Amino acid sequence: MAFLSLARGELVYHASMPVLRASLSNQTCGFKLATTYSHTSYDKNGNLTEDAEGRQFLYDAEKHQTEVKDNLNNTIGKYFY
């Protein structure tokens, strides 16, 4: 899965690898392009367990997502089935 986002004047192309960043400025008509590589992890069932921003995704025995934690290990979402 890939998508584009625009935040704080920065256009970011998100994919598992690579992440392309283009910094936009009102004072210039061009942009800077740099390539960085993101880290993502998956479990043996193919579930995403960690994304490039360090969020953790937890699953139950039936492979349902149950919780999301930020990069500081704070719970930012819980799911109940």
PDB file of N, CA and C in Angstrom:
ATOM      1  N   MET A   1       0.845  -1.159   0.000  1.00  0.00           N
ATOM      2  CA  MET A   1       0.000   0.000   0.000  1.00  0.00           C
ATOM      3  C   MET A   1       0.894   1.227   0.000  1.00  0.00           C
ATOM      4  N   ALA A   2       0.521   2.228  -0.765  1.00  0.00           N
ATOM      5  CA  ALA A   2       1.267   3.473  -0.820  1.00  0.00           C
ATOM      6  C   ALA A   2       0.293   4.631  -0.841  1.00  0.00           C
ATOM      7  N   PHE A   3       0.714   5.757  -0.299  1.00  0.00           N
ATOM      8  CA  PHE A   3      -0.114   6.955  -0.323  1.00  0.00           C
ATOM      9  C   PHE A   3       0.761   8.181  -0.161  1.00  0.00           C
ATOM     10  N   LEU A   4       0.217   9.335  -0.493  1.00  0.00           N
ATOM     11  CA  LEU A   4       0.907  10.605  -0.333  1.00  0.00           C
ATOM     12  C   LEU A   4       0.279  11.381   0.810  1.00  0.00           C
ATOM     13  N   SER A   5       1.075  12.129   1.539  1.00  0.00           N
ATOM     14  CA  SER A   5       0.535  13.010   2.570  1.00  0.00           C
ATOM     15  C   SER A   5       1.279  14.335   2.524  1.00  0.00           C
ATOM     16  N   LEU A   6       0.635  15.379   3.007  1.00  0.00           N
ATOM     17  CA  LEU A   6       1.240  16.704   3.063  1.00  0.00           C
ATOM     18  C   LEU A   6       1.072  17.226   4.478  1.00  0.00           C
ATOM     19  N   ALA A   7       2.185  17.445   5.148  1.00  0.00           N
ATOM     20  CA  ALA A   7       2.141  17.949   6.518  1.00  0.00           C
ATOM     21  C   ALA A   7       3.295  18.925   6.718  1.00  0.00           C
ATOM     22  N   ARG A   8       2.991  20.056   7.307  1.00  0.00           N
ATOM     23  CA  ARG A   8       4.003  21.068   7.623  1.00  0.00           C
ATOM     24  C   ARG A   8       4.886  21.392   6.417  1.00  0.00           C
ATOM     25  N   GLY A   9       4.276  21.476   5.228  1.00  0.00           N
ATOM     26  CA  GLY A   9       5.027  21.841   4.041  1.00  0.00           C
ATOM     27  C   GLY A   9       5.895  20.742   3.477  1.00  0.00           C
ATOM     28  N   GLU A  10       5.677  19.509   3.909  1.00  0.00           N
ATOM     29  CA  GLU A  10       6.487  18.398   3.432  1.00  0.00           C
ATOM     30  C   GLU A  10       5.593  17.353   2.775  1.00  0.00           C
ATOM     31  N   LEU A  11       5.851  17.035   1.541  1.00  0.00           N
ATOM     32  CA  LEU A  11       5.119  16.017   0.800  1.00  0.00           C
ATOM     33  C   LEU A  11       5.852  14.707   0.996  1.00  0.00           C
ATOM     34  N   VAL A  12       5.139  13.673   1.474  1.00  0.00           N
ATOM     35  CA  VAL A  12       5.775  12.397   1.783  1.00  0.00           C
ATOM     36  C   VAL A  12       5.068  11.278   1.045  1.00  0.00           C
ATOM     37  N   TYR A  13       5.817  10.458   0.336  1.00  0.00           N
ATOM     38  CA  TYR A  13       5.305   9.256  -0.319  1.00  0.00           C
ATOM     39  C   TYR A  13       5.559   8.091   0.622  1.00  0.00           C
ATOM     40  N   HIS A  14       4.491   7.440   1.078  1.00  0.00           N
ATOM     41  CA  HIS A  14       4.605   6.351   2.036  1.00  0.00           C
ATOM     42  C   HIS A  14       4.462   5.003   1.328  1.00  0.00           C
ATOM     43  N   ALA A  15       5.392   4.146   1.515  1.00  0.00           N
ATOM     44  CA  ALA A  15       5.343   2.765   1.048  1.00  0.00           C
ATOM     45  C   ALA A  15       6.221   1.976   2.009  1.00  0.00           C
ATOM     46  N   SER A  16       6.221   0.682   1.904  1.00  0.00           N
ATOM     47  CA  SER A  16       7.033  -0.080   2.848  1.00  0.00           C
ATOM     48  C   SER A  16       8.510   0.281   2.699  1.00  0.00           C
ATOM     49  N   MET A  17       8.997   0.455   1.475  1.00  0.00           N
ATOM     50  CA  MET A  17      10.346   0.934   1.203  1.00  0.00           C
ATOM     51  C   MET A  17      10.406   1.376  -0.233  1.00  0.00           C
ATOM     52  N   PRO A  18      11.022   2.428  -0.587  1.00  0.00           N
ATOM     53  CA  PRO A  18      11.542   3.493   0.263  1.00  0.00           C
ATOM     54  C   PRO A  18      10.492   4.559   0.533  1.00  0.00           C
ATOM     55  N   VAL A  19      10.810   5.471   1.436  1.00  0.00           N
ATOM     56  CA  VAL A  19       9.963   6.640   1.675  1.00  0.00           C
ATOM     57  C   VAL A  19      10.637   7.811   0.989  1.00  0.00           C
ATOM     58  N   LEU A  20       9.925   8.481   0.114  1.00  0.00           N
ATOM     59  CA  LEU A  20      10.465   9.640  -0.595  1.00  0.00           C
ATOM     60  C   LEU A  20       9.922  10.889   0.052  1.00  0.00           C
ATOM     61  N   ARG A  21      10.783  11.846   0.341  1.00  0.00           N
ATOM     62  CA  ARG A  21      10.363  13.086   0.969  1.00  0.00           C
ATOM     63  C   ARG A  21      10.710  14.257   0.055  1.00  0.00           C
ATOM     64  N   ALA A  22       9.758  15.139  -0.112  1.00  0.00           N
ATOM     65  CA  ALA A  22       9.981  16.350  -0.900  1.00  0.00           C
ATOM     66  C   ALA A  22       9.573  17.536  -0.051  1.00  0.00           C
ATOM     67  N   SER A  23      10.520  18.389   0.300  1.00  0.00           N
ATOM     68  CA  SER A  23      10.227  19.563   1.112  1.00  0.00           C
ATOM     69  C   SER A  23       9.808  20.701   0.202  1.00  0.00           C
ATOM     70  N   LEU A  24       8.655  21.296   0.489  1.00  0.00           N
ATOM     71  CA  LEU A  24       8.111  22.365  -0.324  1.00  0.00           C
ATOM     72  C   LEU A  24       8.275  23.691   0.401  1.00  0.00           C
ATOM     73  N   SER A  25       8.519  24.730  -0.345  1.00  0.00           N
ATOM     74  CA  SER A  25       8.690  26.055   0.244  1.00  0.00           C
ATOM     75  C   SER A  25       7.990  27.084  -0.623  1.00  0.00           C
ATOM     76  N   ASN A  26       7.356  28.083  -0.002  1.00  0.00           N
ATOM     77  CA  ASN A  26       6.716  29.162  -0.739  1.00  0.00           C
ATOM     78  C   ASN A  26       7.741  30.057  -1.426  1.00  0.00           C
ATOM     79  N   GLN A  27       8.982  30.045  -0.967  1.00  0.00           N
ATOM     80  CA  GLN A  27      10.009  30.928  -1.490  1.00  0.00           C
ATOM     81  C   GLN A  27      10.749  30.336  -2.684  1.00  0.00           C
ATOM     82  N   THR A  28      10.525  29.080  -3.000  1.00  0.00           N
ATOM     83  CA  THR A  28      11.197  28.455  -4.132  1.00  0.00           C
ATOM     84  C   THR A  28      10.167  27.779  -5.010  1.00  0.00           C
ATOM     85  N   CYS A  29      10.516  27.586  -6.259  1.00  0.00           N
ATOM     86  CA  CYS A  29       9.592  26.926  -7.172  1.00  0.00           C
ATOM     87  C   CYS A  29       9.967  25.461  -7.381  1.00  0.00           C
ATOM     88  N   GLY A  30      10.992  24.991  -6.705  1.00  0.00           N
ATOM     89  CA  GLY A  30      11.418  23.603  -6.820  1.00  0.00           C
ATOM     90  C   GLY A  30      11.239  22.879  -5.512  1.00  0.00           C
ATOM     91  N   PHE A  31      11.802  21.699  -5.426  1.00  0.00           N
ATOM     92  CA  PHE A  31      11.745  20.942  -4.183  1.00  0.00           C
ATOM     93  C   PHE A  31      12.986  20.088  -4.053  1.00  0.00           C
ATOM     94  N   LYS A  32      13.276  19.716  -2.831  1.00  0.00           N
ATOM     95  CA  LYS A  32      14.397  18.830  -2.542  1.00  0.00           C
ATOM     96  C   LYS A  32      13.853  17.416  -2.448  1.00  0.00           C
ATOM     97  N   LEU A  33      14.576  16.463  -2.958  1.00  0.00           N
ATOM     98  CA  LEU A  33      14.130  15.074  -2.937  1.00  0.00           C
ATOM     99  C   LEU A  33      15.200  14.231  -2.276  1.00  0.00           C
ATOM    100  N   ALA A  34      14.822  13.495  -1.259  1.00  0.00           N
ATOM    101  CA  ALA A  34      15.756  12.610  -0.570  1.00  0.00           C
ATOM    102  C   ALA A  34      15.075  11.276  -0.362  1.00  0.00           C
ATOM    103  N   THR A  35      15.824  10.227  -0.394  1.00  0.00           N
ATOM    104  CA  THR A  35      15.280   8.889  -0.184  1.00  0.00           C
ATOM    105  C   THR A  35      15.739   8.360   1.167  1.00  0.00           C
ATOM    106  N   THR A  36      14.783   7.917   1.965  1.00  0.00           N
ATOM    107  CA  THR A  36      15.096   7.257   3.226  1.00  0.00           C
ATOM    108  C   THR A  36      14.379   5.920   3.231  1.00  0.00           C
ATOM    109  N   TYR A  37      14.802   5.031   4.078  1.00  0.00           N
ATOM    110  CA  TYR A  37      14.179   3.722   4.160  1.00  0.00           C
ATOM    111  C   TYR A  37      13.458   3.581   5.489  1.00  0.00           C
ATOM    112  N   SER A  38      12.258   3.091   5.423  1.00  0.00           N
ATOM    113  CA  SER A  38      11.460   2.933   6.626  1.00  0.00           C
ATOM    114  C   SER A  38      11.579   1.503   7.138  1.00  0.00           C
ATOM    115  N   HIS A  39      11.302   1.334   8.403  1.00  0.00           N
ATOM    116  CA  HIS A  39      11.354   0.031   9.040  1.00  0.00           C
ATOM    117  C   HIS A  39       9.931  -0.422   9.340  1.00  0.00           C
ATOM    118  N   THR A  40       9.564  -1.553   8.853  1.00  0.00           N
ATOM    119  CA  THR A  40       8.281  -2.157   9.196  1.00  0.00           C
ATOM    120  C   THR A  40       8.525  -3.606   9.564  1.00  0.00           C
ATOM    121  N   SER A  41       7.706  -4.140  10.480  1.00  0.00           N
ATOM    122  CA  SER A  41       7.833  -5.530  10.900  1.00  0.00           C
ATOM    123  C   SER A  41       6.488  -6.224  10.788  1.00  0.00           C
ATOM    124  N   TYR A  42       6.533  -7.492  10.477  1.00  0.00           N
ATOM    125  CA  TYR A  42       5.330  -8.318  10.332  1.00  0.00           C
ATOM    126  C   TYR A  42       5.506  -9.607  11.128  1.00  0.00           C
ATOM    127  N   ASP A  43       4.403 -10.157  11.644  1.00  0.00           N
ATOM    128  CA  ASP A  43       4.481 -11.442  12.328  1.00  0.00           C
ATOM    129  C   ASP A  43       4.371 -12.578  11.311  1.00  0.00           C
ATOM    130  N   LYS A  44       4.423 -13.828  11.791  1.00  0.00           N
ATOM    131  CA  LYS A  44       4.409 -14.981  10.889  1.00  0.00           C
ATOM    132  C   LYS A  44       3.090 -15.122  10.128  1.00  0.00           C
ATOM    133  N   ASN A  45       2.026 -14.440  10.592  1.00  0.00           N
ATOM    134  CA  ASN A  45       0.728 -14.472   9.912  1.00  0.00           C
ATOM    135  C   ASN A  45       0.585 -13.355   8.882  1.00  0.00           C
ATOM    136  N   GLY A  46       1.602 -12.513   8.758  1.00  0.00           N
ATOM    137  CA  GLY A  46       1.557 -11.410   7.815  1.00  0.00           C
ATOM    138  C   GLY A  46       0.955 -10.137   8.366  1.00  0.00           C
ATOM    139  N   ASN A  47       0.676 -10.100   9.663  1.00  0.00           N
ATOM    140  CA  ASN A  47       0.120  -8.901  10.300  1.00  0.00           C
ATOM    141  C   ASN A  47       1.228  -7.886  10.560  1.00  0.00           C
ATOM    142  N   LEU A  48       0.953  -6.627  10.280  1.00  0.00           N
ATOM    143  CA  LEU A  48       1.893  -5.553  10.582  1.00  0.00           C
ATOM    144  C   LEU A  48       2.035  -5.446  12.097  1.00  0.00           C
ATOM    145  N   THR A  49       3.258  -5.532  12.613  1.00  0.00           N
ATOM    146  CA  THR A  49       3.481  -5.432  14.052  1.00  0.00           C
ATOM    147  C   THR A  49       4.174  -4.138  14.451  1.00  0.00           C
ATOM    148  N   GLU A  50       4.890  -3.505  13.509  1.00  0.00           N
ATOM    149  CA  GLU A  50       5.520  -2.210  13.774  1.00  0.00           C
ATOM    150  C   GLU A  50       5.612  -1.449  12.463  1.00  0.00           C
ATOM    151  N   ASP A  51       5.254  -0.138  12.497  1.00  0.00           N
ATOM    152  CA  ASP A  51       5.335   0.668  11.287  1.00  0.00           C
ATOM    153  C   ASP A  51       6.549   1.590  11.346  1.00  0.00           C
ATOM    154  N   ALA A  52       6.731   2.386  10.308  1.00  0.00           N
ATOM    155  CA  ALA A  52       7.905   3.252  10.182  1.00  0.00           C
ATOM    156  C   ALA A  52       7.981   4.320  11.268  1.00  0.00           C
ATOM    157  N   GLU A  53       6.854   4.689  11.858  1.00  0.00           N
ATOM    158  CA  GLU A  53       6.841   5.685  12.928  1.00  0.00           C
ATOM    159  C   GLU A  53       7.030   5.057  14.300  1.00  0.00           C
ATOM    160  N   GLY A  54       7.239   3.756  14.367  1.00  0.00           N
ATOM    161  CA  GLY A  54       7.474   3.076  15.634  1.00  0.00           C
ATOM    162  C   GLY A  54       6.216   2.633  16.353  1.00  0.00           C
ATOM    163  N   ARG A  55       5.045   2.793  15.725  1.00  0.00           N
ATOM    164  CA  ARG A  55       3.805   2.316  16.348  1.00  0.00           C
ATOM    165  C   ARG A  55       3.796   0.796  16.337  1.00  0.00           C
ATOM    166  N   GLN A  56       3.260   0.206  17.415  1.00  0.00           N
ATOM    167  CA  GLN A  56       3.147  -1.248  17.537  1.00  0.00           C
ATOM    168  C   GLN A  56       1.693  -1.658  17.383  1.00  0.00           C
ATOM    169  N   PHE A  57       1.459  -2.755  16.692  1.00  0.00           N
ATOM    170  CA  PHE A  57       0.126  -3.269  16.445  1.00  0.00           C
ATOM    171  C   PHE A  57       0.033  -4.662  17.050  1.00  0.00           C
ATOM    172  N   LEU A  58      -0.933  -4.853  17.958  1.00  0.00           N
ATOM    173  CA  LEU A  58      -1.077  -6.115  18.674  1.00  0.00           C
ATOM    174  C   LEU A  58      -2.329  -6.838  18.203  1.00  0.00           C
ATOM    175  N   TYR A  59      -2.273  -8.178  18.200  1.00  0.00           N
ATOM    176  CA  TYR A  59      -3.349  -9.015  17.669  1.00  0.00           C
ATOM    177  C   TYR A  59      -3.691 -10.122  18.656  1.00  0.00           C
ATOM    178  N   ASP A  60      -4.946 -10.593  18.594  1.00  0.00           N
ATOM    179  CA  ASP A  60      -5.350 -11.722  19.426  1.00  0.00           C
ATOM    180  C   ASP A  60      -5.070 -13.042  18.682  1.00  0.00           C
ATOM    181  N   ALA A  61      -5.438 -14.163  19.301  1.00  0.00           N
ATOM    182  CA  ALA A  61      -5.184 -15.479  18.720  1.00  0.00           C
ATOM    183  C   ALA A  61      -5.934 -15.710  17.415  1.00  0.00           C
ATOM    184  N   GLU A  62      -7.013 -14.953  17.193  1.00  0.00           N
ATOM    185  CA  GLU A  62      -7.788 -15.091  15.956  1.00  0.00           C
ATOM    186  C   GLU A  62      -7.360 -14.078  14.900  1.00  0.00           C
ATOM    187  N   LYS A  63      -6.200 -13.445  15.112  1.00  0.00           N
ATOM    188  CA  LYS A  63      -5.591 -12.497  14.174  1.00  0.00           C
ATOM    189  C   LYS A  63      -6.363 -11.185  14.033  1.00  0.00           C
ATOM    190  N   HIS A  64      -7.157 -10.849  15.049  1.00  0.00           N
ATOM    191  CA  HIS A  64      -7.841  -9.550  15.074  1.00  0.00           C
ATOM    192  C   HIS A  64      -6.926  -8.533  15.737  1.00  0.00           C
ATOM    193  N   GLN A  65      -6.853  -7.343  15.157  1.00  0.00           N
ATOM    194  CA  GLN A  65      -6.062  -6.293  15.789  1.00  0.00           C
ATOM    195  C   GLN A  65      -6.758  -5.876  17.076  1.00  0.00           C
ATOM    196  N   THR A  66      -6.000  -5.835  18.184  1.00  0.00           N
ATOM    197  CA  THR A  66      -6.588  -5.522  19.479  1.00  0.00           C
ATOM    198  C   THR A  66      -6.085  -4.213  20.088  1.00  0.00           C
ATOM    199  N   GLU A  67      -4.895  -3.774  19.676  1.00  0.00           N
ATOM    200  CA  GLU A  67      -4.327  -2.584  20.308  1.00  0.00           C
ATOM    201  C   GLU A  67      -3.295  -1.948  19.387  1.00  0.00           C
ATOM    202  N   VAL A  68      -3.152  -0.621  19.517  1.00  0.00           N
ATOM    203  CA  VAL A  68      -2.103   0.136  18.834  1.00  0.00           C
ATOM    204  C   VAL A  68      -1.388   0.960  19.887  1.00  0.00           C
ATOM    205  N   LYS A  69      -0.053   0.912  19.869  1.00  0.00           N
ATOM    206  CA  LYS A  69       0.758   1.690  20.798  1.00  0.00           C
ATOM    207  C   LYS A  69       1.676   2.609  20.009  1.00  0.00           C
ATOM    208  N   ASP A  70       1.939   3.794  20.577  1.00  0.00           N
ATOM    209  CA  ASP A  70       2.844   4.723  19.905  1.00  0.00           C
ATOM    210  C   ASP A  70       4.291   4.317  20.173  1.00  0.00           C
ATOM    211  N   ASN A  71       5.226   5.111  19.656  1.00  0.00           N
ATOM    212  CA  ASN A  71       6.638   4.767  19.797  1.00  0.00           C
ATOM    213  C   ASN A  71       7.157   4.901  21.223  1.00  0.00           C
ATOM    214  N   LEU A  72       6.351   5.460  22.127  1.00  0.00           N
ATOM    215  CA  LEU A  72       6.724   5.543  23.545  1.00  0.00           C
ATOM    216  C   LEU A  72       6.008   4.484  24.380  1.00  0.00           C
ATOM    217  N   ASN A  73       5.341   3.532  23.697  1.00  0.00           N
ATOM    218  CA  ASN A  73       4.622   2.414  24.311  1.00  0.00           C
ATOM    219  C   ASN A  73       3.321   2.829  25.006  1.00  0.00           C
ATOM    220  N   ASN A  74       2.794   4.016  24.662  1.00  0.00           N
ATOM    221  CA  ASN A  74       1.501   4.455  25.164  1.00  0.00           C
ATOM    222  C   ASN A  74       0.401   3.885  24.285  1.00  0.00           C
ATOM    223  N   THR A  75      -0.649   3.370  24.871  1.00  0.00           N
ATOM    224  CA  THR A  75      -1.783   2.854  24.089  1.00  0.00           C
ATOM    225  C   THR A  75      -2.503   4.018  23.445  1.00  0.00           C
ATOM    226  N   ILE A  76      -2.679   3.952  22.114  1.00  0.00           N
ATOM    227  CA  ILE A  76      -3.394   5.004  21.403  1.00  0.00           C
ATOM    228  C   ILE A  76      -4.693   4.481  20.793  1.00  0.00           C
ATOM    229  N   GLY A  77      -4.934   3.195  20.910  1.00  0.00           N
ATOM    230  CA  GLY A  77      -6.171   2.615  20.421  1.00  0.00           C
ATOM    231  C   GLY A  77      -6.351   1.185  20.876  1.00  0.00           C
ATOM    232  N   LYS A  78      -7.588   0.818  21.194  1.00  0.00           N
ATOM    233  CA  LYS A  78      -7.914  -0.560  21.560  1.00  0.00           C
ATOM    234  C   LYS A  78      -9.149  -0.979  20.766  1.00  0.00           C
ATOM    235  N   TYR A  79      -9.182  -2.236  20.382  1.00  0.00           N
ATOM    236  CA  TYR A  79     -10.292  -2.789  19.600  1.00  0.00           C
ATOM    237  C   TYR A  79     -10.870  -3.982  20.342  1.00  0.00           C
ATOM    238  N   PHE A  80     -12.187  -4.057  20.365  1.00  0.00           N
ATOM    239  CA  PHE A  80     -12.893  -5.138  21.054  1.00  0.00           C
ATOM    240  C   PHE A  80     -13.791  -5.842  20.078  1.00  0.00           C
ATOM    241  N   TYR A  81     -13.832  -7.146  20.125  1.00  0.00           N
ATOM    242  CA  TYR A  81     -14.647  -7.958  19.204  1.00  0.00           C
ATOM    243  C   TYR A  81     -15.611  -8.821  19.986  1.00  0.00           C
TER     244      TYR A  81
END
